[in-house]
Amino acid sequence: MNVLLKSIITCPECGNQKVETMPTDACQFFYECENCKVILKPKKGDCCVYCSYGTVPCPPIQENKPCCS
């Protein structure tokens, strides 16, 4: 199985999108939108900002493994 490491994060406040490389060794709980400076946090039930706001879930979820939460 190929794990995708690029994900497009979309800010729910301003709609800004940015391609980011996901970490493979840690979960990312916070993300600052470079446009409006809002700090994104995972939605309830999600393990990281990529699972909540990205186009691709984080690597552990892609591999059907538990996430860091």
C-alpha atoms as a PDB file:
ATOM      1  CA  MET A   1       0.000   0.000   0.000  1.00  0.00           C
ATOM      2  CA  ASN A   2       1.326   3.428  -0.935  1.00  0.00           C
ATOM      3  CA  VAL A   3       0.919   6.015   1.796  1.00  0.00           C
ATOM      4  CA  LEU A   4       0.271   9.520   0.506  1.00  0.00           C
ATOM      5  CA  LEU A   5       2.192  12.212   2.370  1.00  0.00           C
ATOM      6  CA  LYS A   6       0.767  15.302   0.639  1.00  0.00           C
ATOM      7  CA  SER A   7      -2.591  16.707   1.673  1.00  0.00           C
ATOM      8  CA  ILE A   8      -4.391  19.943   0.866  1.00  0.00           C
ATOM      9  CA  ILE A   9      -5.573  21.631   4.054  1.00  0.00           C
ATOM     10  CA  THR A  10      -8.569  23.929   3.657  1.00  0.00           C
ATOM     11  CA  CYS A  11      -9.180  26.550   6.333  1.00  0.00           C
ATOM     12  CA  PRO A  12     -12.840  26.495   7.410  1.00  0.00           C
ATOM     13  CA  GLU A  13     -12.687  30.183   8.328  1.00  0.00           C
ATOM     14  CA  CYS A  14     -11.371  31.788   5.126  1.00  0.00           C
ATOM     15  CA  GLY A  15     -11.254  28.925   2.605  1.00  0.00           C
ATOM     16  CA  ASN A  16      -7.493  29.248   2.031  1.00  0.00           C
ATOM     17  CA  GLN A  17      -5.928  26.030   0.743  1.00  0.00           C
ATOM     18  CA  LYS A  18      -2.339  24.895   1.001  1.00  0.00           C
ATOM     19  CA  VAL A  19      -0.533  21.680   0.085  1.00  0.00           C
ATOM     20  CA  GLU A  20       1.324  20.340   3.114  1.00  0.00           C
ATOM     21  CA  THR A  21       3.517  17.318   3.755  1.00  0.00           C
ATOM     22  CA  MET A  22       2.202  15.236   6.630  1.00  0.00           C
ATOM     23  CA  PRO A  23       4.587  14.028   9.316  1.00  0.00           C
ATOM     24  CA  THR A  24       5.050  10.263   9.492  1.00  0.00           C
ATOM     25  CA  ASP A  25       6.359  10.162  13.062  1.00  0.00           C
ATOM     26  CA  ALA A  26       3.841  12.345  14.913  1.00  0.00           C
ATOM     27  CA  CYS A  27       0.291  13.634  14.765  1.00  0.00           C
ATOM     28  CA  GLN A  28      -0.308  17.292  14.045  1.00  0.00           C
ATOM     29  CA  PHE A  29      -2.854  18.676  16.492  1.00  0.00           C
ATOM     30  CA  PHE A  30      -2.546  22.363  15.560  1.00  0.00           C
ATOM     31  CA  TYR A  31      -2.213  24.179  12.247  1.00  0.00           C
ATOM     32  CA  GLU A  32      -2.079  27.937  11.690  1.00  0.00           C
ATOM     33  CA  CYS A  33      -3.714  29.199   8.504  1.00  0.00           C
ATOM     34  CA  GLU A  34      -1.161  31.355   6.722  1.00  0.00           C
ATOM     35  CA  ASN A  35      -3.927  33.612   5.376  1.00  0.00           C
ATOM     36  CA  CYS A  36      -6.204  34.441   8.343  1.00  0.00           C
ATOM     37  CA  LYS A  37      -3.946  33.141  11.165  1.00  0.00           C
ATOM     38  CA  VAL A  38      -6.719  31.065  12.778  1.00  0.00           C
ATOM     39  CA  ILE A  39      -5.406  28.012  14.658  1.00  0.00           C
ATOM     40  CA  LEU A  40      -7.063  24.811  13.457  1.00  0.00           C
ATOM     41  CA  LYS A  41      -7.567  21.906  15.854  1.00  0.00           C
ATOM     42  CA  PRO A  42      -8.926  18.436  15.028  1.00  0.00           C
ATOM     43  CA  LYS A  43     -12.698  18.055  14.978  1.00  0.00           C
ATOM     44  CA  LYS A  44     -14.208  15.846  17.660  1.00  0.00           C
ATOM     45  CA  GLY A  45     -13.535  12.223  16.750  1.00  0.00           C
ATOM     46  CA  ASP A  46     -10.592  13.015  14.443  1.00  0.00           C
ATOM     47  CA  CYS A  47      -6.994  12.423  15.481  1.00  0.00           C
ATOM     48  CA  CYS A  48      -5.291  15.328  13.701  1.00  0.00           C
ATOM     49  CA  VAL A  49      -5.820  18.401  11.521  1.00  0.00           C
ATOM     50  CA  TYR A  50      -5.208  16.380   8.340  1.00  0.00           C
ATOM     51  CA  CYS A  51      -8.073  14.015   9.147  1.00  0.00           C
ATOM     52  CA  SER A  52     -10.337  17.019   9.836  1.00  0.00           C
ATOM     53  CA  TYR A  53      -9.359  19.543   7.168  1.00  0.00           C
ATOM     54  CA  GLY A  54      -7.154  17.733   4.650  1.00  0.00           C
ATOM     55  CA  THR A  55      -7.900  15.976   1.385  1.00  0.00           C
ATOM     56  CA  VAL A  56      -5.954  12.911   2.559  1.00  0.00           C
ATOM     57  CA  PRO A  57      -6.095  11.369   6.063  1.00  0.00           C
ATOM     58  CA  CYS A  58      -2.878  11.044   8.064  1.00  0.00           C
ATOM     59  CA  PRO A  59      -0.455   8.152   7.378  1.00  0.00           C
ATOM     60  CA  PRO A  60      -1.500   5.959  10.351  1.00  0.00           C
ATOM     61  CA  ILE A  61      -5.164   6.155   9.354  1.00  0.00           C
ATOM     62  CA  GLN A  62      -4.267   5.352   5.732  1.00  0.00           C
ATOM     63  CA  GLU A  63      -2.510   2.216   7.010  1.00  0.00           C
ATOM     64  CA  ASN A  64      -5.465   1.243   9.257  1.00  0.00           C
ATOM     65  CA  LYS A  65      -3.353   1.808  12.366  1.00  0.00           C
ATOM     66  CA  PRO A  66      -4.306   3.718  15.495  1.00  0.00           C
ATOM     67  CA  CYS A  67      -3.455   7.385  15.441  1.00  0.00           C
ATOM     68  CA  CYS A  68      -1.718   9.315  18.221  1.00  0.00           C
ATOM     69  CA  SER A  69      -4.852  10.585  19.951  1.00  0.00           C
END
